[in-house]
PDB file of all heavy atoms in Angstrom:
ATOM      1  N   LEU A   1      93.783 205.494 -88.198  1.00  0.00           N
ATOM      2  CA  LEU A   1      93.190 204.884 -87.008  1.00  0.00           C
ATOM      3  C   LEU A   1      91.928 205.629 -86.583  1.00  0.00           C
ATOM      4  O   LEU A   1      90.939 205.011 -86.161  1.00  0.00           O
ATOM      5  CB  LEU A   1      94.209 204.872 -85.865  1.00  0.00           C
ATOM      6  CG  LEU A   1      95.508 204.096 -86.129  1.00  0.00           C
ATOM      7  CD1 LEU A   1      96.449 204.236 -84.941  1.00  0.00           C
ATOM      8  CD2 LEU A   1      95.217 202.636 -86.417  1.00  0.00           C
ATOM      9  N   PHE A   2      91.941 206.947 -86.698  1.00  0.00           N
ATOM     10  CA  PHE A   2      90.780 207.742 -86.306  1.00  0.00           C
ATOM     11  C   PHE A   2      89.689 207.686 -87.383  1.00  0.00           C
ATOM     12  O   PHE A   2      88.516 207.481 -87.066  1.00  0.00           O
ATOM     13  CB  PHE A   2      91.204 209.182 -86.032  1.00  0.00           C
ATOM     14  CG  PHE A   2      92.201 209.302 -84.922  1.00  0.00           C
ATOM     15  CD1 PHE A   2      93.533 209.580 -85.190  1.00  0.00           C
ATOM     16  CD2 PHE A   2      91.821 209.115 -83.601  1.00  0.00           C
ATOM     17  CE1 PHE A   2      94.460 209.676 -84.164  1.00  0.00           C
ATOM     18  CE2 PHE A   2      92.739 209.207 -82.569  1.00  0.00           C
ATOM     19  CZ  PHE A   2      94.063 209.487 -82.851  1.00  0.00           C
ATOM     20  N   TRP A   3      90.072 207.865 -88.643  1.00  0.00           N
ATOM     21  CA  TRP A   3      89.073 207.830 -89.714  1.00  0.00           C
ATOM     22  C   TRP A   3      88.421 206.465 -89.817  1.00  0.00           C
ATOM     23  O   TRP A   3      87.196 206.349 -89.895  1.00  0.00           O
ATOM     24  CB  TRP A   3      89.736 208.198 -91.048  1.00  0.00           C
ATOM     25  CG  TRP A   3      90.136 209.617 -91.185  1.00  0.00           C
ATOM     26  CD1 TRP A   3      90.322 210.530 -90.184  1.00  0.00           C
ATOM     27  CD2 TRP A   3      90.422 210.308 -92.403  1.00  0.00           C
ATOM     28  NE1 TRP A   3      90.714 211.738 -90.705  1.00  0.00           N
ATOM     29  CE2 TRP A   3      90.783 211.637 -92.054  1.00  0.00           C
ATOM     30  CE3 TRP A   3      90.419 209.941 -93.753  1.00  0.00           C
ATOM     31  CZ2 TRP A   3      91.132 212.587 -93.028  1.00  0.00           C
ATOM     32  CZ3 TRP A   3      90.772 210.884 -94.701  1.00  0.00           C
ATOM     33  CH2 TRP A   3      91.115 212.190 -94.346  1.00  0.00           C
ATOM     34  N   MET A   4      89.246 205.426 -89.815  1.00  0.00           N
ATOM     35  CA  MET A   4      88.682 204.078 -89.977  1.00  0.00           C
ATOM     36  C   MET A   4      88.012 203.600 -88.701  1.00  0.00           C
ATOM     37  O   MET A   4      87.112 202.748 -88.749  1.00  0.00           O
ATOM     38  CB  MET A   4      89.765 203.091 -90.413  1.00  0.00           C
ATOM     39  CG  MET A   4      90.291 203.364 -91.819  1.00  0.00           C
ATOM     40  SD  MET A   4      88.990 203.361 -93.095  1.00  0.00           S
ATOM     41  CE  MET A   4      88.690 205.129 -93.308  1.00  0.00           C
ATOM     42  N   GLY A   5      88.417 204.130 -87.563  1.00  0.00           N
ATOM     43  CA  GLY A   5      87.667 203.841 -86.342  1.00  0.00           C
ATOM     44  C   GLY A   5      86.252 204.363 -86.448  1.00  0.00           C
ATOM     45  O   GLY A   5      85.289 203.678 -86.077  1.00  0.00           O
ATOM     46  N   CYS A   6      86.091 205.577 -86.987  1.00  0.00           N
ATOM     47  CA  CYS A   6      84.752 206.140 -87.199  1.00  0.00           C
ATOM     48  C   CYS A   6      83.965 205.316 -88.211  1.00  0.00           C
ATOM     49  O   CYS A   6      82.759 205.077 -88.044  1.00  0.00           O
ATOM     50  CB  CYS A   6      84.866 207.588 -87.678  1.00  0.00           C
ATOM     51  SG  CYS A   6      85.406 208.749 -86.403  1.00  0.00           S
ATOM     52  N   VAL A   7      84.636 204.859 -89.272  1.00  0.00           N
ATOM     53  CA  VAL A   7      83.966 204.021 -90.281  1.00  0.00           C
ATOM     54  C   VAL A   7      83.490 202.717 -89.660  1.00  0.00           C
ATOM     55  O   VAL A   7      82.372 202.247 -89.934  1.00  0.00           O
ATOM     56  CB  VAL A   7      84.919 203.759 -91.461  1.00  0.00           C
ATOM     57  CG1 VAL A   7      84.386 202.637 -92.356  1.00  0.00           C
ATOM     58  CG2 VAL A   7      85.105 205.037 -92.279  1.00  0.00           C
ATOM     59  N   ALA A   8      84.314 202.111 -88.813  1.00  0.00           N
ATOM     60  CA  ALA A   8      83.911 200.866 -88.153  1.00  0.00           C
ATOM     61  C   ALA A   8      82.660 201.079 -87.305  1.00  0.00           C
ATOM     62  O   ALA A   8      81.769 200.215 -87.259  1.00  0.00           O
ATOM     63  CB  ALA A   8      85.060 200.342 -87.285  1.00  0.00           C
ATOM     64  N   VAL A   9      82.573 202.230 -86.643  1.00  0.00           N
ATOM     65  CA  VAL A   9      81.386 202.537 -85.849  1.00  0.00           C
ATOM     66  C   VAL A   9      80.158 202.668 -86.744  1.00  0.00           C
ATOM     67  O   VAL A   9      79.077 202.135 -86.430  1.00  0.00           O
ATOM     68  CB  VAL A   9      81.608 203.837 -85.036  1.00  0.00           C
ATOM     69  CG1 VAL A   9      80.297 204.298 -84.391  1.00  0.00           C
ATOM     70  CG2 VAL A   9      82.667 203.626 -83.965  1.00  0.00           C
ATOM     71  N   VAL A  10      80.285 203.362 -87.869  1.00  0.00           N
ATOM     72  CA  VAL A  10      79.160 203.523 -88.792  1.00  0.00           C
ATOM     73  C   VAL A  10      78.679 202.162 -89.297  1.00  0.00           C
ATOM     74  O   VAL A  10      77.471 201.899 -89.379  1.00  0.00           O
ATOM     75  CB  VAL A  10      79.542 204.440 -89.970  1.00  0.00           C
ATOM     76  CG1 VAL A  10      78.461 204.420 -91.047  1.00  0.00           C
ATOM     77  CG2 VAL A  10      79.760 205.864 -89.481  1.00  0.00           C
ATOM     78  N   ILE A  11      79.616 201.285 -89.634  1.00  0.00           N
ATOM     79  CA  ILE A  11      79.237 199.946 -90.113  1.00  0.00           C
ATOM     80  C   ILE A  11      78.422 199.217 -89.052  1.00  0.00           C
ATOM     81  O   ILE A  11      77.386 198.599 -89.349  1.00  0.00           O
ATOM     82  CB  ILE A  11      80.482 199.133 -90.496  1.00  0.00           C
ATOM     83  CG1 ILE A  11      81.172 199.751 -91.714  1.00  0.00           C
ATOM     84  CG2 ILE A  11      80.106 197.678 -90.805  1.00  0.00           C
ATOM     85  CD1 ILE A  11      82.505 199.100 -92.063  1.00  0.00           C
ATOM     86  N   GLU A  12      78.858 199.311 -87.810  1.00  0.00           N
ATOM     87  CA  GLU A  12      78.133 198.614 -86.736  1.00  0.00           C
ATOM     88  C   GLU A  12      76.766 199.232 -86.491  1.00  0.00           C
ATOM     89  O   GLU A  12      75.798 198.519 -86.180  1.00  0.00           O
ATOM     90  CB  GLU A  12      78.964 198.625 -85.449  1.00  0.00           C
ATOM     91  CG  GLU A  12      80.062 197.586 -85.422  1.00  0.00           C
ATOM     92  CD  GLU A  12      79.526 196.176 -85.639  1.00  0.00           C
ATOM     93  OE1 GLU A  12      78.824 195.660 -84.751  1.00  0.00           O
ATOM     94  OE2 GLU A  12      79.794 195.595 -86.712  1.00  0.00           O
ATOM     95  N   ILE A  13      76.657 200.545 -86.644  1.00  0.00           N
ATOM     96  CA  ILE A  13      75.349 201.178 -86.475  1.00  0.00           C
ATOM     97  C   ILE A  13      74.394 200.706 -87.561  1.00  0.00           C
ATOM     98  O   ILE A  13      73.219 200.386 -87.296  1.00  0.00           O
ATOM     99  CB  ILE A  13      75.494 202.719 -86.514  1.00  0.00           C
ATOM    100  CG1 ILE A  13      76.219 203.207 -85.244  1.00  0.00           C
ATOM    101  CG2 ILE A  13      74.125 203.399 -86.615  1.00  0.00           C
ATOM    102  CD1 ILE A  13      76.609 204.661 -85.281  1.00  0.00           C
ATOM    103  N   VAL A  14      74.879 200.647 -88.800  1.00  0.00           N
ATOM    104  CA  VAL A  14      74.042 200.161 -89.902  1.00  0.00           C
ATOM    105  C   VAL A  14      73.701 198.697 -89.704  1.00  0.00           C
ATOM    106  O   VAL A  14      72.561 198.260 -89.927  1.00  0.00           O
ATOM    107  CB  VAL A  14      74.746 200.385 -91.254  1.00  0.00           C
ATOM    108  CG1 VAL A  14      73.965 199.720 -92.386  1.00  0.00           C
ATOM    109  CG2 VAL A  14      74.922 201.870 -91.535  1.00  0.00           C
ATOM    110  N   ARG A  15      74.672 197.911 -89.247  1.00  0.00           N
ATOM    111  CA  ARG A  15      74.473 196.458 -89.113  1.00  0.00           C
ATOM    112  C   ARG A  15      73.538 196.102 -87.970  1.00  0.00           C
ATOM    113  O   ARG A  15      72.723 195.176 -88.074  1.00  0.00           O
ATOM    114  CB  ARG A  15      75.829 195.770 -88.911  1.00  0.00           C
ATOM    115  CG  ARG A  15      75.784 194.249 -89.074  1.00  0.00           C
ATOM    116  CD  ARG A  15      77.161 193.654 -88.912  1.00  0.00           C
ATOM    117  NE  ARG A  15      77.573 193.637 -87.523  1.00  0.00           N
ATOM    118  CZ  ARG A  15      77.282 192.658 -86.660  1.00  0.00           C
ATOM    119  NH1 ARG A  15      76.554 191.623 -87.051  1.00  0.00           N
ATOM    120  NH2 ARG A  15      77.703 192.716 -85.424  1.00  0.00           N
ATOM    121  N   THR A  16      73.648 196.836 -86.860  1.00  0.00           N
ATOM    122  CA  THR A  16      72.908 196.438 -85.664  1.00  0.00           C
ATOM    123  C   THR A  16      71.779 197.398 -85.299  1.00  0.00           C
ATOM    124  O   THR A  16      70.907 197.046 -84.509  1.00  0.00           O
ATOM    125  CB  THR A  16      73.855 196.360 -84.459  1.00  0.00           C
ATOM    126  OG1 THR A  16      74.342 197.675 -84.139  1.00  0.00           O
ATOM    127  CG2 THR A  16      75.046 195.452 -84.756  1.00  0.00           C
ATOM    128  N   GLY A  17      71.807 198.629 -85.829  1.00  0.00           N
ATOM    129  CA  GLY A  17      70.814 199.619 -85.445  1.00  0.00           C
ATOM    130  C   GLY A  17      71.031 200.201 -84.071  1.00  0.00           C
ATOM    131  O   GLY A  17      70.161 200.899 -83.538  1.00  0.00           O
ATOM    132  N   ASN A  18      72.209 199.979 -83.483  1.00  0.00           N
ATOM    133  CA  ASN A  18      72.508 200.463 -82.135  1.00  0.00           C
ATOM    134  C   ASN A  18      72.993 201.915 -82.200  1.00  0.00           C
ATOM    135  O   ASN A  18      74.176 202.189 -82.431  1.00  0.00           O
ATOM    136  CB  ASN A  18      73.563 199.579 -81.483  1.00  0.00           C
ATOM    137  CG  ASN A  18      73.862 199.985 -80.042  1.00  0.00           C
ATOM    138  OD1 ASN A  18      73.273 200.935 -79.515  1.00  0.00           O
ATOM    139  ND2 ASN A  18      74.761 199.262 -79.406  1.00  0.00           N
ATOM    140  N   SER A  19      72.118 202.858 -81.976  1.00  0.00           N
ATOM    141  CA  SER A  19      72.456 204.275 -82.098  1.00  0.00           C
ATOM    142  C   SER A  19      73.394 204.761 -81.010  1.00  0.00           C
ATOM    143  O   SER A  19      74.040 205.810 -81.168  1.00  0.00           O
ATOM    144  CB  SER A  19      71.184 205.122 -82.075  1.00  0.00           C
ATOM    145  OG  SER A  19      70.362 204.823 -83.181  1.00  0.00           O
ATOM    146  N   ARG A  20      73.479 204.044 -79.904  1.00  0.00           N
ATOM    147  CA  ARG A  20      74.382 204.474 -78.836  1.00  0.00           C
ATOM    148  C   ARG A  20      75.845 204.462 -79.280  1.00  0.00           C
ATOM    149  O   ARG A  20      76.690 205.129 -78.684  1.00  0.00           O
ATOM    150  CB  ARG A  20      74.202 203.579 -77.610  1.00  0.00           C
ATOM    151  CG  ARG A  20      72.895 203.804 -76.866  1.00  0.00           C
ATOM    152  CD  ARG A  20      72.772 202.884 -75.667  1.00  0.00           C
ATOM    153  NE  ARG A  20      71.580 203.177 -74.877  1.00  0.00           N
ATOM    154  CZ  ARG A  20      70.377 202.718 -75.149  1.00  0.00           C
ATOM    155  NH1 ARG A  20      70.194 201.920 -76.216  1.00  0.00           N
ATOM    156  NH2 ARG A  20      69.339 203.046 -74.381  1.00  0.00           N
ATOM    157  N   LEU A  21      76.119 203.704 -80.344  1.00  0.00           N
ATOM    158  CA  LEU A  21      77.490 203.630 -80.838  1.00  0.00           C
ATOM    159  C   LEU A  21      77.987 204.967 -81.381  1.00  0.00           C
ATOM    160  O   LEU A  21      79.191 205.156 -81.553  1.00  0.00           O
ATOM    161  CB  LEU A  21      77.606 202.556 -81.922  1.00  0.00           C
ATOM    162  CG  LEU A  21      77.393 201.119 -81.448  1.00  0.00           C
ATOM    163  CD1 LEU A  21      77.384 200.158 -82.625  1.00  0.00           C
ATOM    164  CD2 LEU A  21      78.482 200.721 -80.451  1.00  0.00           C
ATOM    165  N   TRP A  22      77.078 205.907 -81.651  1.00  0.00           N
ATOM    166  CA  TRP A  22      77.510 207.228 -82.103  1.00  0.00           C
ATOM    167  C   TRP A  22      78.436 207.897 -81.085  1.00  0.00           C
ATOM    168  O   TRP A  22      79.268 208.735 -81.451  1.00  0.00           O
ATOM    169  CB  TRP A  22      76.309 208.134 -82.362  1.00  0.00           C
ATOM    170  CG  TRP A  22      75.589 207.859 -83.641  1.00  0.00           C
ATOM    171  CD1 TRP A  22      74.311 207.413 -83.794  1.00  0.00           C
ATOM    172  CD2 TRP A  22      76.109 208.022 -84.973  1.00  0.00           C
ATOM    173  NE1 TRP A  22      73.994 207.275 -85.128  1.00  0.00           N
ATOM    174  CE2 TRP A  22      75.087 207.650 -85.873  1.00  0.00           C
ATOM    175  CE3 TRP A  22      77.343 208.437 -85.481  1.00  0.00           C
ATOM    176  CZ2 TRP A  22      75.260 207.681 -87.255  1.00  0.00           C
ATOM    177  CZ3 TRP A  22      77.522 208.471 -86.863  1.00  0.00           C
ATOM    178  CH2 TRP A  22      76.491 208.095 -87.730  1.00  0.00           C
ATOM    179  N   LEU A  23      78.284 207.547 -79.814  1.00  0.00           N
ATOM    180  CA  LEU A  23      79.155 208.132 -78.799  1.00  0.00           C
ATOM    181  C   LEU A  23      80.621 207.803 -79.086  1.00  0.00           C
ATOM    182  O   LEU A  23      81.508 208.655 -78.909  1.00  0.00           O
ATOM    183  CB  LEU A  23      78.764 207.640 -77.407  1.00  0.00           C
ATOM    184  CG  LEU A  23      77.357 208.042 -76.927  1.00  0.00           C
ATOM    185  CD1 LEU A  23      77.081 207.455 -75.551  1.00  0.00           C
ATOM    186  CD2 LEU A  23      77.206 209.562 -76.911  1.00  0.00           C
ATOM    187  N   TRP A  24      80.875 206.576 -79.531  1.00  0.00           N
ATOM    188  CA  TRP A  24      82.243 206.196 -79.891  1.00  0.00           C
ATOM    189  C   TRP A  24      82.715 206.969 -81.113  1.00  0.00           C
ATOM    190  O   TRP A  24      83.881 207.345 -81.203  1.00  0.00           O
ATOM    191  CB  TRP A  24      82.336 204.689 -80.134  1.00  0.00           C
ATOM    192  CG  TRP A  24      82.314 203.893 -78.877  1.00  0.00           C
ATOM    193  CD1 TRP A  24      81.323 203.091 -78.414  1.00  0.00           C
ATOM    194  CD2 TRP A  24      83.358 203.841 -77.906  1.00  0.00           C
ATOM    195  NE1 TRP A  24      81.670 202.545 -77.206  1.00  0.00           N
ATOM    196  CE2 TRP A  24      82.915 202.984 -76.874  1.00  0.00           C
ATOM    197  CE3 TRP A  24      84.621 204.433 -77.798  1.00  0.00           C
ATOM    198  CZ2 TRP A  24      83.698 202.704 -75.758  1.00  0.00           C
ATOM    199  CZ3 TRP A  24      85.405 204.154 -76.686  1.00  0.00           C
ATOM    200  CH2 TRP A  24      84.941 203.303 -75.685  1.00  0.00           C
ATOM    201  N   PHE A  25      81.817 207.213 -82.050  1.00  0.00           N
ATOM    202  CA  PHE A  25      82.146 208.035 -83.216  1.00  0.00           C
ATOM    203  C   PHE A  25      82.603 209.424 -82.748  1.00  0.00           C
ATOM    204  O   PHE A  25      83.603 209.969 -83.230  1.00  0.00           O
ATOM    205  CB  PHE A  25      80.933 208.148 -84.140  1.00  0.00           C
ATOM    206  CG  PHE A  25      81.204 208.843 -85.453  1.00  0.00           C
ATOM    207  CD1 PHE A  25      81.360 208.104 -86.610  1.00  0.00           C
ATOM    208  CD2 PHE A  25      81.292 210.230 -85.533  1.00  0.00           C
ATOM    209  CE1 PHE A  25      81.605 208.733 -87.834  1.00  0.00           C
ATOM    210  CE2 PHE A  25      81.538 210.865 -86.738  1.00  0.00           C
ATOM    211  CZ  PHE A  25      81.700 210.115 -87.887  1.00  0.00           C
ATOM    212  N   GLY A  26      81.859 209.994 -81.796  1.00  0.00           N
ATOM    213  CA  GLY A  26      82.206 211.318 -81.289  1.00  0.00           C
ATOM    214  C   GLY A  26      83.567 211.346 -80.623  1.00  0.00           C
ATOM    215  O   GLY A  26      84.354 212.290 -80.824  1.00  0.00           O
ATOM    216  N   VAL A  27      83.871 210.327 -79.823  1.00  0.00           N
ATOM    217  CA  VAL A  27      85.178 210.265 -79.150  1.00  0.00           C
ATOM    218  C   VAL A  27      86.301 210.168 -80.179  1.00  0.00           C
ATOM    219  O   VAL A  27      87.308 210.894 -80.105  1.00  0.00           O
ATOM    220  CB  VAL A  27      85.220 209.078 -78.173  1.00  0.00           C
ATOM    221  CG1 VAL A  27      86.640 208.858 -77.651  1.00  0.00           C
ATOM    222  CG2 VAL A  27      84.264 209.311 -77.005  1.00  0.00           C
ATOM    223  N   LEU A  28      86.126 209.272 -81.153  1.00  0.00           N
ATOM    224  CA  LEU A  28      87.160 209.094 -82.173  1.00  0.00           C
ATOM    225  C   LEU A  28      87.318 210.344 -83.034  1.00  0.00           C
ATOM    226  O   LEU A  28      88.442 210.724 -83.388  1.00  0.00           O
ATOM    227  CB  LEU A  28      86.827 207.886 -83.048  1.00  0.00           C
ATOM    228  CG  LEU A  28      86.964 206.525 -82.367  1.00  0.00           C
ATOM    229  CD1 LEU A  28      86.307 205.440 -83.196  1.00  0.00           C
ATOM    230  CD2 LEU A  28      88.446 206.199 -82.152  1.00  0.00           C
ATOM    231  N   ALA A  29      86.208 210.988 -83.372  1.00  0.00           N
ATOM    232  CA  ALA A  29      86.274 212.214 -84.171  1.00  0.00           C
ATOM    233  C   ALA A  29      86.973 213.330 -83.392  1.00  0.00           C
ATOM    234  O   ALA A  29      87.789 214.073 -83.949  1.00  0.00           O
ATOM    235  CB  ALA A  29      84.882 212.654 -84.598  1.00  0.00           C
ATOM    236  N   GLY A  30      86.674 213.450 -82.109  1.00  0.00           N
ATOM    237  CA  GLY A  30      87.326 214.468 -81.292  1.00  0.00           C
ATOM    238  C   GLY A  30      88.820 214.234 -81.180  1.00  0.00           C
ATOM    239  O   GLY A  30      89.626 215.168 -81.330  1.00  0.00           O
ATOM    240  N   LEU A  31      89.216 212.994 -80.937  1.00  0.00           N
ATOM    241  CA  LEU A  31      90.640 212.672 -80.872  1.00  0.00           C
ATOM    242  C   LEU A  31      91.294 212.860 -82.239  1.00  0.00           C
ATOM    243  O   LEU A  31      92.450 213.296 -82.333  1.00  0.00           O
ATOM    244  CB  LEU A  31      90.835 211.237 -80.381  1.00  0.00           C
ATOM    245  CG  LEU A  31      90.445 210.981 -78.924  1.00  0.00           C
ATOM    246  CD1 LEU A  31      90.531 209.497 -78.594  1.00  0.00           C
ATOM    247  CD2 LEU A  31      91.332 211.793 -77.976  1.00  0.00           C
ATOM    248  N   GLY A  32      90.545 212.534 -83.310  1.00  0.00           N
ATOM    249  CA  GLY A  32      91.069 212.747 -84.653  1.00  0.00           C
ATOM    250  C   GLY A  32      91.337 214.208 -84.938  1.00  0.00           C
ATOM    251  O   GLY A  32      92.316 214.558 -85.612  1.00  0.00           O
ATOM    252  N   LEU A  33      90.477 215.095 -84.421  1.00  0.00           N
ATOM    253  CA  LEU A  33      90.710 216.529 -84.564  1.00  0.00           C
ATOM    254  C   LEU A  33      91.965 216.968 -83.822  1.00  0.00           C
ATOM    255  O   LEU A  33      92.683 217.873 -84.265  1.00  0.00           O
ATOM    256  CB  LEU A  33      89.507 217.316 -84.039  1.00  0.00           C
ATOM    257  CG  LEU A  33      88.296 217.407 -84.955  1.00  0.00           C
ATOM    258  CD1 LEU A  33      87.087 217.928 -84.197  1.00  0.00           C
ATOM    259  CD2 LEU A  33      88.604 218.311 -86.148  1.00  0.00           C
ATOM    260  N   GLU A  34      92.239 216.329 -82.695  1.00  0.00           N
ATOM    261  CA  GLU A  34      93.448 216.656 -81.950  1.00  0.00           C
ATOM    262  C   GLU A  34      94.692 216.075 -82.608  1.00  0.00           C
ATOM    263  O   GLU A  34      95.822 216.436 -82.260  1.00  0.00           O
ATOM    264  CB  GLU A  34      93.340 216.142 -80.515  1.00  0.00           C
ATOM    265  CG  GLU A  34      92.227 216.781 -79.699  1.00  0.00           C
ATOM    266  CD  GLU A  34      92.510 218.226 -79.315  1.00  0.00           C
ATOM    267  OE1 GLU A  34      92.762 219.044 -80.223  1.00  0.00           O
ATOM    268  OE2 GLU A  34      92.470 218.522 -78.112  1.00  0.00           O
ATOM    269  N   ASN A  35      94.488 215.153 -83.558  1.00  0.00           N
ATOM    270  CA  ASN A  35      95.606 214.598 -84.316  1.00  0.00           C
ATOM    271  C   ASN A  35      95.893 215.435 -85.557  1.00  0.00           C
ATOM    272  O   ASN A  35      97.046 215.767 -85.848  1.00  0.00           O
ATOM    273  CB  ASN A  35      95.286 213.162 -84.727  1.00  0.00           C
ATOM    274  CG  ASN A  35      96.396 212.526 -85.549  1.00  0.00           C
ATOM    275  OD1 ASN A  35      97.456 212.191 -85.026  1.00  0.00           O
ATOM    276  ND2 ASN A  35      96.163 212.348 -86.840  1.00  0.00           N
ATOM    277  N   LYS A  36      94.827 215.771 -86.305  1.00  0.00           N
ATOM    278  CA  LYS A  36      94.991 216.566 -87.525  1.00  0.00           C
ATOM    279  C   LYS A  36      93.666 217.227 -87.853  1.00  0.00           C
ATOM    280  O   LYS A  36      92.611 216.594 -87.790  1.00  0.00           O
ATOM    281  CB  LYS A  36      95.453 215.678 -88.692  1.00  0.00           C
ATOM    282  CG  LYS A  36      95.833 216.437 -89.945  1.00  0.00           C
ATOM    283  CD  LYS A  36      96.347 215.491 -91.025  1.00  0.00           C
ATOM    284  CE  LYS A  36      96.697 216.241 -92.296  1.00  0.00           C
ATOM    285  NZ  LYS A  36      97.171 215.326 -93.360  1.00  0.00           N
ATOM    286  N   TYR A  37      93.735 218.491 -88.249  1.00  0.00           N
ATOM    287  CA  TYR A  37      92.508 219.251 -88.482  1.00  0.00           C
ATOM    288  C   TYR A  37      91.727 218.752 -89.699  1.00  0.00           C
ATOM    289  O   TYR A  37      90.571 219.126 -89.876  1.00  0.00           O
ATOM    290  CB  TYR A  37      92.837 220.735 -88.650  1.00  0.00           C
ATOM    291  CG  TYR A  37      93.504 221.338 -87.441  1.00  0.00           C
ATOM    292  CD1 TYR A  37      94.730 221.999 -87.547  1.00  0.00           C
ATOM    293  CD2 TYR A  37      92.928 221.239 -86.180  1.00  0.00           C
ATOM    294  CE1 TYR A  37      95.348 222.559 -86.430  1.00  0.00           C
ATOM    295  CE2 TYR A  37      93.530 221.789 -85.068  1.00  0.00           C
ATOM    296  CZ  TYR A  37      94.749 222.447 -85.193  1.00  0.00           C
ATOM    297  OH  TYR A  37      95.351 222.985 -84.087  1.00  0.00           O
ATOM    298  N   ALA A  38      92.333 217.907 -90.517  1.00  0.00           N
ATOM    299  CA  ALA A  38      91.615 217.337 -91.665  1.00  0.00           C
ATOM    300  C   ALA A  38      90.422 216.498 -91.228  1.00  0.00           C
ATOM    301  O   ALA A  38      89.557 216.171 -92.051  1.00  0.00           O
ATOM    302  CB  ALA A  38      92.558 216.490 -92.524  1.00  0.00           C
ATOM    303  N   MET A  39      90.350 216.172 -89.940  1.00  0.00           N
ATOM    304  CA  MET A  39      89.184 215.456 -89.425  1.00  0.00           C
ATOM    305  C   MET A  39      87.919 216.283 -89.631  1.00  0.00           C
ATOM    306  O   MET A  39      86.814 215.728 -89.737  1.00  0.00           O
ATOM    307  CB  MET A  39      89.376 215.149 -87.938  1.00  0.00           C
ATOM    308  CG  MET A  39      88.359 214.181 -87.357  1.00  0.00           C
ATOM    309  SD  MET A  39      88.784 212.477 -87.769  1.00  0.00           S
ATOM    310  CE  MET A  39      87.166 211.710 -87.726  1.00  0.00           C
ATOM    311  N   LEU A  40      88.049 217.608 -89.702  1.00  0.00           N
ATOM    312  CA  LEU A  40      86.894 218.461 -89.995  1.00  0.00           C
ATOM    313  C   LEU A  40      86.336 218.159 -91.377  1.00  0.00           C
ATOM    314  O   LEU A  40      85.114 218.152 -91.576  1.00  0.00           O
ATOM    315  CB  LEU A  40      87.296 219.935 -89.912  1.00  0.00           C
ATOM    316  CG  LEU A  40      87.548 220.511 -88.516  1.00  0.00           C
ATOM    317  CD1 LEU A  40      88.197 221.884 -88.624  1.00  0.00           C
ATOM    318  CD2 LEU A  40      86.247 220.587 -87.725  1.00  0.00           C
ATOM    319  N   VAL A  41      87.217 217.932 -92.338  1.00  0.00           N
ATOM    320  CA  VAL A  41      86.790 217.589 -93.695  1.00  0.00           C
ATOM    321  C   VAL A  41      86.087 216.232 -93.683  1.00  0.00           C
ATOM    322  O   VAL A  41      85.043 216.057 -94.318  1.00  0.00           O
ATOM    323  CB  VAL A  41      87.993 217.577 -94.656  1.00  0.00           C
ATOM    324  CG1 VAL A  41      87.558 217.252 -96.076  1.00  0.00           C
ATOM    325  CG2 VAL A  41      88.720 218.923 -94.619  1.00  0.00           C
ATOM    326  N   PHE A  42      86.653 215.292 -92.945  1.00  0.00           N
ATOM    327  CA  PHE A  42      86.020 213.970 -92.805  1.00  0.00           C
ATOM    328  C   PHE A  42      84.629 214.114 -92.214  1.00  0.00           C
ATOM    329  O   PHE A  42      83.657 213.508 -92.696  1.00  0.00           O
ATOM    330  CB  PHE A  42      86.887 213.075 -91.917  1.00  0.00           C
ATOM    331  CG  PHE A  42      86.323 211.703 -91.682  1.00  0.00           C
ATOM    332  CD1 PHE A  42      86.696 210.633 -92.482  1.00  0.00           C
ATOM    333  CD2 PHE A  42      85.419 211.464 -90.644  1.00  0.00           C
ATOM    334  CE1 PHE A  42      86.177 209.360 -92.267  1.00  0.00           C
ATOM    335  CE2 PHE A  42      84.899 210.205 -90.418  1.00  0.00           C
ATOM    336  CZ  PHE A  42      85.277 209.147 -91.232  1.00  0.00           C
ATOM    337  N   GLY A  43      84.501 214.921 -91.165  1.00  0.00           N
ATOM    338  CA  GLY A  43      83.208 215.092 -90.516  1.00  0.00           C
ATOM    339  C   GLY A  43      82.173 215.726 -91.428  1.00  0.00           C
ATOM    340  O   GLY A  43      81.002 215.307 -91.448  1.00  0.00           O
TER     341      GLY A  43
END
């Protein structure tokens, strides 16, 4: 849910050029780190 949530954000940034969506990437990545430290490898 956290990894693919970040992927969904990246797809939308590429598709729309909306850089503000990175904020959602940051929230999901932070929560992903609180779920499992492997999120560091993903990042």
